[in-house]
Amino acid sequence: MIKSNILALDASTEALSIVLHYQGKTFHHFEECPQQHSQKILPLIDELLGKAGCKLKDLDVIGFGQGPGSFTGVRISVAIAQGLAYSTNLPLVGVSTLAVMAQQAFEQFGANDVYSSIDARMGEIYFAQYHAKDGLMTLKGEERVFKPELLDATLIDTNIDAAAVGTGFKSYPDALTPFNNVTIQPEITLPDAHYMLALVEAQYLAGKGVKASDAQPKYVRDTVTWKKLPGRE
């Protein structure tokens, strides 16, 4: 049960999601609205605060989706969270979008082992493996980006039954064909901030919140391939 007063938001993919948990009640918004996040996010936050009858300064912590996702979307998530935190001096907790989807699979379907993937465009996917521990999805190995055809037994444990979530497997379902122990959960394709609450609270209570100036995005793909112009580095 969530006890902290939390605002969490994510704009890093096609989905825009915001959740406010205040005095035991949860207020939530989720929609797919590509390229409209920056226009919609602040009015929606105000709307949820109004429904809850509270102000930002009444909260304990702000959570945000730190990526991976679209570069623009990740920047929006971080920038909005930073702006809100600067105005209130609240701590920030960044949460992986891949972890959010894994947490949803655990909370909705009881999946203890989850492969989470987001379509990274350019013929690649963001990918990570998570395992449930004390009700929270924890990362096994590292988050990475690669071409889906490179998914093999070094990345998929064939000895455990697992769920697969996210647009990466929606776009490239054949990548999992060799692995009969992994079942795609088609209901979960994009991160939803509602499932950030437990992850944000755990980090906050552990004293791992950061001040606004220290909030960081997590692109996973640090560079974009492009053709260099003559004389350019």
Foldseek 3Di string as FASTA:
>chain_A
DFDFFEWEWFQQAQKTKIWTADPNDIDIDIDRHPPCCLVPPVVVVVVRCVVVVHDLLVGAEYEFAQDDHDPVRNVSRLVVRLVSCVVRVHFYDYDHFQQQLVLCCCVPPVFQKEWEWEPPPPQKIWIWIWGDDPSGTDTDDDIAMDHLCPDDCVHDPLPAQGEYEEVVCVVVVVSCVVRPSYHYDDVHHGGHRVSCSVVGSVCVVVVNTHGSVPDHHDNNPPDDDDDDDPPGD
